[in-house]
PDB file of N, CA and C in Angstrom:
ATOM      1  N   MET A   1     -54.435 -47.622  -3.321  1.00  0.00           N
ATOM      2  CA  MET A   1     -54.803 -48.127  -4.605  1.00  0.00           C
ATOM      3  C   MET A   1     -56.041 -47.378  -5.087  1.00  0.00           C
ATOM      4  N   ALA A   2     -56.144 -47.123  -6.362  1.00  0.00           N
ATOM      5  CA  ALA A   2     -57.258 -46.370  -6.920  1.00  0.00           C
ATOM      6  C   ALA A   2     -58.537 -47.197  -6.863  1.00  0.00           C
ATOM      7  N   PRO A   3     -59.653 -46.557  -6.581  1.00  0.00           N
ATOM      8  CA  PRO A   3     -60.919 -47.291  -6.549  1.00  0.00           C
ATOM      9  C   PRO A   3     -61.297 -47.754  -7.942  1.00  0.00           C
ATOM     10  N   ALA A   4     -62.011 -48.860  -7.993  1.00  0.00           N
ATOM     11  CA  ALA A   4     -62.477 -49.384  -9.280  1.00  0.00           C
ATOM     12  C   ALA A   4     -63.450 -48.396  -9.900  1.00  0.00           C
ATOM     13  N   ARG A   5     -63.377 -48.259 -11.228  1.00  0.00           N
ATOM     14  CA  ARG A   5     -64.224 -47.275 -11.902  1.00  0.00           C
ATOM     15  C   ARG A   5     -65.342 -47.930 -12.699  1.00  0.00           C
ATOM     16  N   HIS A   6     -65.416 -49.217 -12.709  1.00  0.00           N
ATOM     17  CA  HIS A   6     -66.421 -49.911 -13.497  1.00  0.00           C
ATOM     18  C   HIS A   6     -67.823 -49.520 -13.037  1.00  0.00           C
ATOM     19  N   GLY A   7     -68.637 -49.086 -13.978  1.00  0.00           N
ATOM     20  CA  GLY A   7     -70.018 -48.764 -13.668  1.00  0.00           C
ATOM     21  C   GLY A   7     -70.209 -47.409 -13.011  1.00  0.00           C
ATOM     22  N   THR A   8     -69.183 -46.596 -12.942  1.00  0.00           N
ATOM     23  CA  THR A   8     -69.336 -45.277 -12.344  1.00  0.00           C
ATOM     24  C   THR A   8     -69.690 -44.272 -13.424  1.00  0.00           C
ATOM     25  N   GLU A   9     -69.836 -43.033 -13.023  1.00  0.00           N
ATOM     26  CA  GLU A   9     -70.181 -41.994 -13.994  1.00  0.00           C
ATOM     27  C   GLU A   9     -69.071 -41.806 -15.034  1.00  0.00           C
ATOM     28  N   LEU A  10     -67.877 -42.353 -14.751  1.00  0.00           N
ATOM     29  CA  LEU A  10     -66.787 -42.264 -15.718  1.00  0.00           C
ATOM     30  C   LEU A  10     -66.947 -43.279 -16.843  1.00  0.00           C
ATOM     31  N   GLY A  11     -67.864 -44.169 -16.693  1.00  0.00           N
ATOM     32  CA  GLY A  11     -68.125 -45.150 -17.738  1.00  0.00           C
ATOM     33  C   GLY A  11     -67.480 -46.483 -17.440  1.00  0.00           C
ATOM     34  N   PRO A  12     -67.744 -47.454 -18.299  1.00  0.00           N
ATOM     35  CA  PRO A  12     -67.196 -48.792 -18.082  1.00  0.00           C
ATOM     36  C   PRO A  12     -65.686 -48.802 -18.307  1.00  0.00           C
ATOM     37  N   ARG A  13     -65.051 -49.831 -17.820  1.00  0.00           N
ATOM     38  CA  ARG A  13     -63.608 -49.987 -17.965  1.00  0.00           C
ATOM     39  C   ARG A  13     -63.266 -50.292 -19.414  1.00  0.00           C
ATOM     40  N   THR A  14     -62.133 -49.792 -19.819  1.00  0.00           N
ATOM     41  CA  THR A  14     -61.672 -50.038 -21.181  1.00  0.00           C
ATOM     42  C   THR A  14     -60.432 -50.915 -21.145  1.00  0.00           C
ATOM     43  N   GLY A  15     -59.959 -51.297 -22.298  1.00  0.00           N
ATOM     44  CA  GLY A  15     -58.738 -52.083 -22.382  1.00  0.00           C
ATOM     45  C   GLY A  15     -57.549 -51.349 -21.802  1.00  0.00           C
ATOM     46  N   THR A  16     -57.544 -50.039 -21.950  1.00  0.00           N
ATOM     47  CA  THR A  16     -56.460 -49.228 -21.410  1.00  0.00           C
ATOM     48  C   THR A  16     -56.430 -49.315 -19.888  1.00  0.00           C
ATOM     49  N   ASP A  17     -57.625 -49.333 -19.266  1.00  0.00           N
ATOM     50  CA  ASP A  17     -57.698 -49.448 -17.817  1.00  0.00           C
ATOM     51  C   ASP A  17     -57.062 -50.751 -17.344  1.00  0.00           C
ATOM     52  N   SER A  18     -57.310 -51.848 -18.045  1.00  0.00           N
ATOM     53  CA  SER A  18     -56.753 -53.123 -17.607  1.00  0.00           C
ATOM     54  C   SER A  18     -55.239 -53.148 -17.792  1.00  0.00           C
ATOM     55  N   VAL A  19     -54.724 -52.459 -18.809  1.00  0.00           N
ATOM     56  CA  VAL A  19     -53.271 -52.362 -18.984  1.00  0.00           C
ATOM     57  C   VAL A  19     -52.674 -51.586 -17.823  1.00  0.00           C
ATOM     58  N   VAL A  20     -53.306 -50.469 -17.465  1.00  0.00           N
ATOM     59  CA  VAL A  20     -52.834 -49.659 -16.346  1.00  0.00           C
ATOM     60  C   VAL A  20     -52.880 -50.473 -15.059  1.00  0.00           C
ATOM     61  N   ASP A  21     -53.965 -51.191 -14.823  1.00  0.00           N
ATOM     62  CA  ASP A  21     -54.082 -52.022 -13.630  1.00  0.00           C
ATOM     63  C   ASP A  21     -52.994 -53.092 -13.610  1.00  0.00           C
ATOM     64  N   GLY A  22     -52.707 -53.690 -14.754  1.00  0.00           N
ATOM     65  CA  GLY A  22     -51.655 -54.697 -14.841  1.00  0.00           C
ATOM     66  C   GLY A  22     -50.291 -54.120 -14.507  1.00  0.00           C
ATOM     67  N   LYS A  23     -50.035 -52.914 -15.010  1.00  0.00           N
ATOM     68  CA  LYS A  23     -48.757 -52.260 -14.707  1.00  0.00           C
ATOM     69  C   LYS A  23     -48.674 -51.913 -13.227  1.00  0.00           C
ATOM     70  N   ALA A  24     -49.777 -51.440 -12.666  1.00  0.00           N
ATOM     71  CA  ALA A  24     -49.794 -51.091 -11.238  1.00  0.00           C
ATOM     72  C   ALA A  24     -49.531 -52.328 -10.389  1.00  0.00           C
ATOM     73  N   GLU A  25     -50.127 -53.448 -10.756  1.00  0.00           N
ATOM     74  CA  GLU A  25     -49.898 -54.689 -10.020  1.00  0.00           C
ATOM     75  C   GLU A  25     -48.442 -55.127 -10.146  1.00  0.00           C
ATOM     76  N   ALA A  26     -47.879 -55.004 -11.342  1.00  0.00           N
ATOM     77  CA  ALA A  26     -46.482 -55.390 -11.555  1.00  0.00           C
ATOM     78  C   ALA A  26     -45.546 -54.508 -10.726  1.00  0.00           C
ATOM     79  N   ILE A  27     -45.836 -53.219 -10.680  1.00  0.00           N
ATOM     80  CA  ILE A  27     -44.997 -52.300  -9.890  1.00  0.00           C
ATOM     81  C   ILE A  27     -45.116 -52.628  -8.409  1.00  0.00           C
ATOM     82  N   THR A  28     -46.326 -52.912  -7.959  1.00  0.00           N
ATOM     83  CA  THR A  28     -46.532 -53.269  -6.558  1.00  0.00           C
ATOM     84  C   THR A  28     -45.759 -54.535  -6.218  1.00  0.00           C
ATOM     85  N   GLU A  29     -45.835 -55.526  -7.075  1.00  0.00           N
ATOM     86  CA  GLU A  29     -45.117 -56.778  -6.848  1.00  0.00           C
ATOM     87  C   GLU A  29     -43.604 -56.538  -6.817  1.00  0.00           C
ATOM     88  N   LEU A  30     -43.106 -55.713  -7.740  1.00  0.00           N
ATOM     89  CA  LEU A  30     -41.682 -55.396  -7.762  1.00  0.00           C
ATOM     90  C   LEU A  30     -41.252 -54.694  -6.482  1.00  0.00           C
ATOM     91  N   MET A  31     -42.050 -53.743  -6.016  1.00  0.00           N
ATOM     92  CA  MET A  31     -41.714 -53.026  -4.785  1.00  0.00           C
ATOM     93  C   MET A  31     -41.638 -53.978  -3.590  1.00  0.00           C
ATOM     94  N   LEU A  32     -42.543 -54.923  -3.517  1.00  0.00           N
ATOM     95  CA  LEU A  32     -42.525 -55.895  -2.421  1.00  0.00           C
ATOM     96  C   LEU A  32     -41.290 -56.781  -2.509  1.00  0.00           C
ATOM     97  N   GLU A  33     -40.924 -57.197  -3.713  1.00  0.00           N
ATOM     98  CA  GLU A  33     -39.724 -58.019  -3.907  1.00  0.00           C
ATOM     99  C   GLU A  33     -38.471 -57.244  -3.526  1.00  0.00           C
ATOM    100  N   VAL A  34     -38.403 -55.980  -3.909  1.00  0.00           N
ATOM    101  CA  VAL A  34     -37.243 -55.148  -3.568  1.00  0.00           C
ATOM    102  C   VAL A  34     -37.133 -55.008  -2.054  1.00  0.00           C
ATOM    103  N   ALA A  35     -38.261 -54.793  -1.381  1.00  0.00           N
ATOM    104  CA  ALA A  35     -38.247 -54.660   0.077  1.00  0.00           C
ATOM    105  C   ALA A  35     -37.740 -55.948   0.728  1.00  0.00           C
ATOM    106  N   GLN A  36     -38.217 -57.097   0.262  1.00  0.00           N
ATOM    107  CA  GLN A  36     -37.754 -58.375   0.815  1.00  0.00           C
ATOM    108  C   GLN A  36     -36.256 -58.552   0.589  1.00  0.00           C
ATOM    109  N   CYS A  37     -35.793 -58.191  -0.589  1.00  0.00           N
ATOM    110  CA  CYS A  37     -34.371 -58.286  -0.909  1.00  0.00           C
ATOM    111  C   CYS A  37     -33.560 -57.363  -0.005  1.00  0.00           C
ATOM    112  N   PHE A  38     -34.053 -56.151   0.196  1.00  0.00           N
ATOM    113  CA  PHE A  38     -33.363 -55.194   1.068  1.00  0.00           C
ATOM    114  C   PHE A  38     -33.178 -55.764   2.463  1.00  0.00           C
ATOM    115  N   PHE A  39     -34.227 -56.353   3.030  1.00  0.00           N
ATOM    116  CA  PHE A  39     -34.128 -56.868   4.388  1.00  0.00           C
ATOM    117  C   PHE A  39     -33.166 -58.048   4.466  1.00  0.00           C
ATOM    118  N   ARG A  40     -33.126 -58.869   3.428  1.00  0.00           N
ATOM    119  CA  ARG A  40     -32.168 -59.984   3.406  1.00  0.00           C
ATOM    120  C   ARG A  40     -30.733 -59.465   3.332  1.00  0.00           C
ATOM    121  N   ILE A  41     -30.510 -58.491   2.471  1.00  0.00           N
ATOM    122  CA  ILE A  41     -29.169 -57.916   2.335  1.00  0.00           C
ATOM    123  C   ILE A  41     -28.757 -57.219   3.617  1.00  0.00           C
ATOM    124  N   ARG A  42     -29.676 -56.503   4.240  1.00  0.00           N
ATOM    125  CA  ARG A  42     -29.364 -55.822   5.492  1.00  0.00           C
ATOM    126  C   ARG A  42     -28.987 -56.822   6.578  1.00  0.00           C
ATOM    127  N   ALA A  43     -29.724 -57.935   6.665  1.00  0.00           N
ATOM    128  CA  ALA A  43     -29.415 -58.955   7.668  1.00  0.00           C
ATOM    129  C   ALA A  43     -28.019 -59.536   7.430  1.00  0.00           C
ATOM    130  N   LEU A  44     -27.692 -59.793   6.178  1.00  0.00           N
ATOM    131  CA  LEU A  44     -26.361 -60.299   5.848  1.00  0.00           C
ATOM    132  C   LEU A  44     -25.297 -59.262   6.181  1.00  0.00           C
ATOM    133  N   GLY A  45     -25.565 -58.009   5.872  1.00  0.00           N
ATOM    134  CA  GLY A  45     -24.632 -56.940   6.194  1.00  0.00           C
ATOM    135  C   GLY A  45     -24.393 -56.816   7.683  1.00  0.00           C
ATOM    136  N   GLN A  46     -25.429 -57.009   8.484  1.00  0.00           N
ATOM    137  CA  GLN A  46     -25.285 -56.943   9.931  1.00  0.00           C
ATOM    138  C   GLN A  46     -24.451 -58.108  10.443  1.00  0.00           C
ATOM    139  N   LYS A  47     -24.649 -59.297   9.861  1.00  0.00           N
ATOM    140  CA  LYS A  47     -23.870 -60.467  10.273  1.00  0.00           C
ATOM    141  C   LYS A  47     -22.393 -60.300   9.942  1.00  0.00           C
ATOM    142  N   THR A  48     -22.098 -59.682   8.803  1.00  0.00           N
ATOM    143  CA  THR A  48     -20.708 -59.518   8.375  1.00  0.00           C
ATOM    144  C   THR A  48     -20.048 -58.270   8.941  1.00  0.00           C
ATOM    145  N   GLY A  49     -20.816 -57.391   9.573  1.00  0.00           N
ATOM    146  CA  GLY A  49     -20.265 -56.172  10.145  1.00  0.00           C
ATOM    147  C   GLY A  49     -20.223 -55.002   9.181  1.00  0.00           C
ATOM    148  N   LEU A  50     -20.716 -55.192   7.964  1.00  0.00           N
ATOM    149  CA  LEU A  50     -20.738 -54.088   7.008  1.00  0.00           C
ATOM    150  C   LEU A  50     -21.837 -53.090   7.318  1.00  0.00           C
ATOM    151  N   ILE A  51     -22.838 -53.537   8.058  1.00  0.00           N
ATOM    152  CA  ILE A  51     -23.893 -52.636   8.522  1.00  0.00           C
ATOM    153  C   ILE A  51     -23.825 -52.653  10.042  1.00  0.00           C
ATOM    154  N   THR A  52     -23.556 -51.519  10.612  1.00  0.00           N
ATOM    155  CA  THR A  52     -23.371 -51.406  12.057  1.00  0.00           C
ATOM    156  C   THR A  52     -24.606 -50.776  12.684  1.00  0.00           C
ATOM    157  N   SER A  53     -24.482 -50.421  13.948  1.00  0.00           N
ATOM    158  CA  SER A  53     -25.598 -49.746  14.611  1.00  0.00           C
ATOM    159  C   SER A  53     -25.890 -48.409  13.947  1.00  0.00           C
ATOM    160  N   TRP A  54     -24.935 -47.904  13.164  1.00  0.00           N
ATOM    161  CA  TRP A  54     -25.120 -46.662  12.417  1.00  0.00           C
ATOM    162  C   TRP A  54     -25.794 -46.897  11.087  1.00  0.00           C
ATOM    163  N   GLY A  55     -26.082 -48.130  10.761  1.00  0.00           N
ATOM    164  CA  GLY A  55     -26.707 -48.434   9.470  1.00  0.00           C
ATOM    165  C   GLY A  55     -25.658 -48.814   8.443  1.00  0.00           C
ATOM    166  N   GLY A  56     -25.992 -48.610   7.174  1.00  0.00           N
ATOM    167  CA  GLY A  56     -25.093 -48.985   6.090  1.00  0.00           C
ATOM    168  C   GLY A  56     -23.973 -48.011   5.862  1.00  0.00           C
ATOM    169  N   GLY A  57     -23.872 -46.997   6.695  1.00  0.00           N
ATOM    170  CA  GLY A  57     -22.839 -45.989   6.527  1.00  0.00           C
ATOM    171  C   GLY A  57     -21.434 -46.547   6.600  1.00  0.00           C
ATOM    172  N   ALA A  58     -21.234 -47.617   7.374  1.00  0.00           N
ATOM    173  CA  ALA A  58     -19.904 -48.198   7.508  1.00  0.00           C
ATOM    174  C   ALA A  58     -19.404 -48.710   6.163  1.00  0.00           C
ATOM    175  N   PHE A  59     -20.274 -49.344   5.424  1.00  0.00           N
ATOM    176  CA  PHE A  59     -19.881 -49.863   4.117  1.00  0.00           C
ATOM    177  C   PHE A  59     -19.503 -48.716   3.187  1.00  0.00           C
ATOM    178  N   GLY A  60     -20.315 -47.681   3.138  1.00  0.00           N
ATOM    179  CA  GLY A  60     -20.029 -46.536   2.295  1.00  0.00           C
ATOM    180  C   GLY A  60     -18.749 -45.829   2.700  1.00  0.00           C
ATOM    181  N   PHE A  61     -18.523 -45.726   3.999  1.00  0.00           N
ATOM    182  CA  PHE A  61     -17.317 -45.103   4.536  1.00  0.00           C
ATOM    183  C   PHE A  61     -16.085 -45.873   4.070  1.00  0.00           C
ATOM    184  N   MET A  62     -16.115 -47.181   4.257  1.00  0.00           N
ATOM    185  CA  MET A  62     -14.985 -48.025   3.871  1.00  0.00           C
ATOM    186  C   MET A  62     -14.803 -48.063   2.356  1.00  0.00           C
ATOM    187  N   ARG A  63     -15.895 -48.034   1.631  1.00  0.00           N
ATOM    188  CA  ARG A  63     -15.815 -48.024   0.169  1.00  0.00           C
ATOM    189  C   ARG A  63     -15.138 -46.753  -0.322  1.00  0.00           C
ATOM    190  N   SER A  64     -15.460 -45.629   0.283  1.00  0.00           N
ATOM    191  CA  SER A  64     -14.819 -44.371  -0.090  1.00  0.00           C
ATOM    192  C   SER A  64     -13.310 -44.460   0.104  1.00  0.00           C
ATOM    193  N   LEU A  65     -12.893 -45.026   1.216  1.00  0.00           N
ATOM    194  CA  LEU A  65     -11.463 -45.160   1.482  1.00  0.00           C
ATOM    195  C   LEU A  65     -10.804 -46.129   0.496  1.00  0.00           C
ATOM    196  N   ALA A  66     -11.495 -47.199   0.183  1.00  0.00           N
ATOM    197  CA  ALA A  66     -10.941 -48.186  -0.750  1.00  0.00           C
ATOM    198  C   ALA A  66     -10.791 -47.602  -2.153  1.00  0.00           C
ATOM    199  N   LEU A  67     -11.764 -46.809  -2.576  1.00  0.00           N
ATOM    200  CA  LEU A  67     -11.731 -46.260  -3.934  1.00  0.00           C
ATOM    201  C   LEU A  67     -10.846 -45.023  -4.057  1.00  0.00           C
ATOM    202  N   LEU A  68     -10.843 -44.185  -3.021  1.00  0.00           N
ATOM    203  CA  LEU A  68     -10.171 -42.885  -3.122  1.00  0.00           C
ATOM    204  C   LEU A  68      -8.866 -42.792  -2.336  1.00  0.00           C
ATOM    205  N   GLY A  69      -8.592 -43.793  -1.521  1.00  0.00           N
ATOM    206  CA  GLY A  69      -7.384 -43.739  -0.703  1.00  0.00           C
ATOM    207  C   GLY A  69      -7.633 -42.984   0.588  1.00  0.00           C
ATOM    208  N   PRO A  70      -6.559 -42.667   1.297  1.00  0.00           N
ATOM    209  CA  PRO A  70      -6.701 -41.986   2.592  1.00  0.00           C
ATOM    210  C   PRO A  70      -7.454 -40.663   2.463  1.00  0.00           C
ATOM    211  N   LEU A  71      -8.407 -40.479   3.356  1.00  0.00           N
ATOM    212  CA  LEU A  71      -9.205 -39.255   3.412  1.00  0.00           C
ATOM    213  C   LEU A  71      -9.373 -38.871   4.863  1.00  0.00           C
ATOM    214  N   THR A  72      -9.572 -37.600   5.112  1.00  0.00           N
ATOM    215  CA  THR A  72      -9.889 -37.156   6.466  1.00  0.00           C
ATOM    216  C   THR A  72     -11.396 -37.310   6.683  1.00  0.00           C
ATOM    217  N   VAL A  73     -11.774 -37.309   7.940  1.00  0.00           N
ATOM    218  CA  VAL A  73     -13.202 -37.375   8.264  1.00  0.00           C
ATOM    219  C   VAL A  73     -13.965 -36.210   7.636  1.00  0.00           C
ATOM    220  N   PRO A  74     -13.467 -34.981   7.725  1.00  0.00           N
ATOM    221  CA  PRO A  74     -14.184 -33.881   7.075  1.00  0.00           C
ATOM    222  C   PRO A  74     -14.327 -34.071   5.560  1.00  0.00           C
ATOM    223  N   GLN A  75     -13.314 -34.630   4.908  1.00  0.00           N
ATOM    224  CA  GLN A  75     -13.416 -34.880   3.463  1.00  0.00           C
ATOM    225  C   GLN A  75     -14.529 -35.884   3.164  1.00  0.00           C
ATOM    226  N   ILE A  76     -14.597 -36.932   3.954  1.00  0.00           N
ATOM    227  CA  ILE A  76     -15.651 -37.937   3.740  1.00  0.00           C
ATOM    228  C   ILE A  76     -17.017 -37.310   4.001  1.00  0.00           C
ATOM    229  N   ALA A  77     -17.127 -36.524   5.056  1.00  0.00           N
ATOM    230  CA  ALA A  77     -18.407 -35.880   5.382  1.00  0.00           C
ATOM    231  C   ALA A  77     -18.856 -34.941   4.273  1.00  0.00           C
ATOM    232  N   GLN A  78     -17.917 -34.241   3.638  1.00  0.00           N
ATOM    233  CA  GLN A  78     -18.282 -33.336   2.552  1.00  0.00           C
ATOM    234  C   GLN A  78     -18.851 -34.078   1.352  1.00  0.00           C
ATOM    235  N   MET A  79     -18.475 -35.333   1.185  1.00  0.00           N
ATOM    236  CA  MET A  79     -18.958 -36.118   0.045  1.00  0.00           C
ATOM    237  C   MET A  79     -20.332 -36.711   0.298  1.00  0.00           C
ATOM    238  N   ARG A  80     -20.829 -36.581   1.500  1.00  0.00           N
ATOM    239  CA  ARG A  80     -22.092 -37.219   1.879  1.00  0.00           C
ATOM    240  C   ARG A  80     -23.055 -36.193   2.462  1.00  0.00           C
ATOM    241  N   PRO A  81     -24.336 -36.515   2.405  1.00  0.00           N
ATOM    242  CA  PRO A  81     -25.331 -35.604   2.996  1.00  0.00           C
ATOM    243  C   PRO A  81     -25.450 -35.830   4.507  1.00  0.00           C
ATOM    244  N   THR A  82     -24.342 -35.595   5.209  1.00  0.00           N
ATOM    245  CA  THR A  82     -24.334 -35.824   6.645  1.00  0.00           C
ATOM    246  C   THR A  82     -23.357 -34.862   7.308  1.00  0.00           C
ATOM    247  N   SER A  83     -23.339 -34.885   8.611  1.00  0.00           N
ATOM    248  CA  SER A  83     -22.449 -33.983   9.346  1.00  0.00           C
ATOM    249  C   SER A  83     -21.076 -34.610   9.564  1.00  0.00           C
ATOM    250  N   ARG A  84     -20.109 -33.758   9.813  1.00  0.00           N
ATOM    251  CA  ARG A  84     -18.768 -34.237  10.129  1.00  0.00           C
ATOM    252  C   ARG A  84     -18.786 -35.013  11.447  1.00  0.00           C
ATOM    253  N   GLN A  85     -19.608 -34.562  12.383  1.00  0.00           N
ATOM    254  CA  GLN A  85     -19.689 -35.234  13.676  1.00  0.00           C
ATOM    255  C   GLN A  85     -20.192 -36.674  13.524  1.00  0.00           C
ATOM    256  N   ARG A  86     -21.177 -36.865  12.665  1.00  0.00           N
ATOM    257  CA  ARG A  86     -21.700 -38.220  12.441  1.00  0.00           C
ATOM    258  C   ARG A  86     -20.623 -39.088  11.827  1.00  0.00           C
ATOM    259  N   MET A  87     -19.874 -38.563  10.867  1.00  0.00           N
ATOM    260  CA  MET A  87     -18.803 -39.331  10.242  1.00  0.00           C
ATOM    261  C   MET A  87     -17.681 -39.611  11.240  1.00  0.00           C
ATOM    262  N   GLN A  88     -17.421 -38.677  12.164  1.00  0.00           N
ATOM    263  CA  GLN A  88     -16.394 -38.907  13.180  1.00  0.00           C
ATOM    264  C   GLN A  88     -16.796 -40.046  14.097  1.00  0.00           C
ATOM    265  N   ARG A  89     -18.068 -40.061  14.514  1.00  0.00           N
ATOM    266  CA  ARG A  89     -18.543 -41.155  15.377  1.00  0.00           C
ATOM    267  C   ARG A  89     -18.448 -42.488  14.647  1.00  0.00           C
ATOM    268  N   LEU A  90     -18.779 -42.487  13.363  1.00  0.00           N
ATOM    269  CA  LEU A  90     -18.688 -43.709  12.567  1.00  0.00           C
ATOM    270  C   LEU A  90     -17.228 -44.152  12.447  1.00  0.00           C
ATOM    271  N   ALA A  91     -16.317 -43.215  12.193  1.00  0.00           N
ATOM    272  CA  ALA A  91     -14.895 -43.542  12.098  1.00  0.00           C
ATOM    273  C   ALA A  91     -14.391 -44.120  13.430  1.00  0.00           C
ATOM    274  N   ASP A  92     -14.809 -43.521  14.539  1.00  0.00           N
ATOM    275  CA  ASP A  92     -14.402 -44.028  15.850  1.00  0.00           C
ATOM    276  C   ASP A  92     -14.935 -45.432  16.082  1.00  0.00           C
ATOM    277  N   GLU A  93     -16.174 -45.664  15.691  1.00  0.00           N
ATOM    278  CA  GLU A  93     -16.786 -46.989  15.843  1.00  0.00           C
ATOM    279  C   GLU A  93     -16.037 -48.021  14.991  1.00  0.00           C
ATOM    280  N   LEU A  94     -15.711 -47.658  13.773  1.00  0.00           N
ATOM    281  CA  LEU A  94     -14.991 -48.583  12.892  1.00  0.00           C
ATOM    282  C   LEU A  94     -13.580 -48.846  13.404  1.00  0.00           C
ATOM    283  N   ALA A  95     -12.935 -47.829  13.943  1.00  0.00           N
ATOM    284  CA  ALA A  95     -11.591 -47.988  14.470  1.00  0.00           C
ATOM    285  C   ALA A  95     -11.587 -48.934  15.689  1.00  0.00           C
ATOM    286  N   ALA A  96     -12.650 -48.864  16.482  1.00  0.00           N
ATOM    287  CA  ALA A  96     -12.738 -49.719  17.671  1.00  0.00           C
ATOM    288  C   ALA A  96     -12.952 -51.169  17.243  1.00  0.00           C
TER     289      ALA A  96
END
């Protein structure tokens, strides 16, 4: 967080500074809320099996198949920023 500037060589705080501080506080609060939401969703995903030991990749993998139909592991890997080997391990885990 930025240090307070009141009374420094930059001069006293202005109305603009308080608007910026208000926006910074709002963004910080939003980020904390998003993080809490993420952890709740992740916990639910783990309970339902949509998030495996590989993370949320299982959901994305299955979603690709649901939306695009049958695909090979290499095709799925090409659509994602990951290796074919990682997608193969995920496919094997899902198949088991």
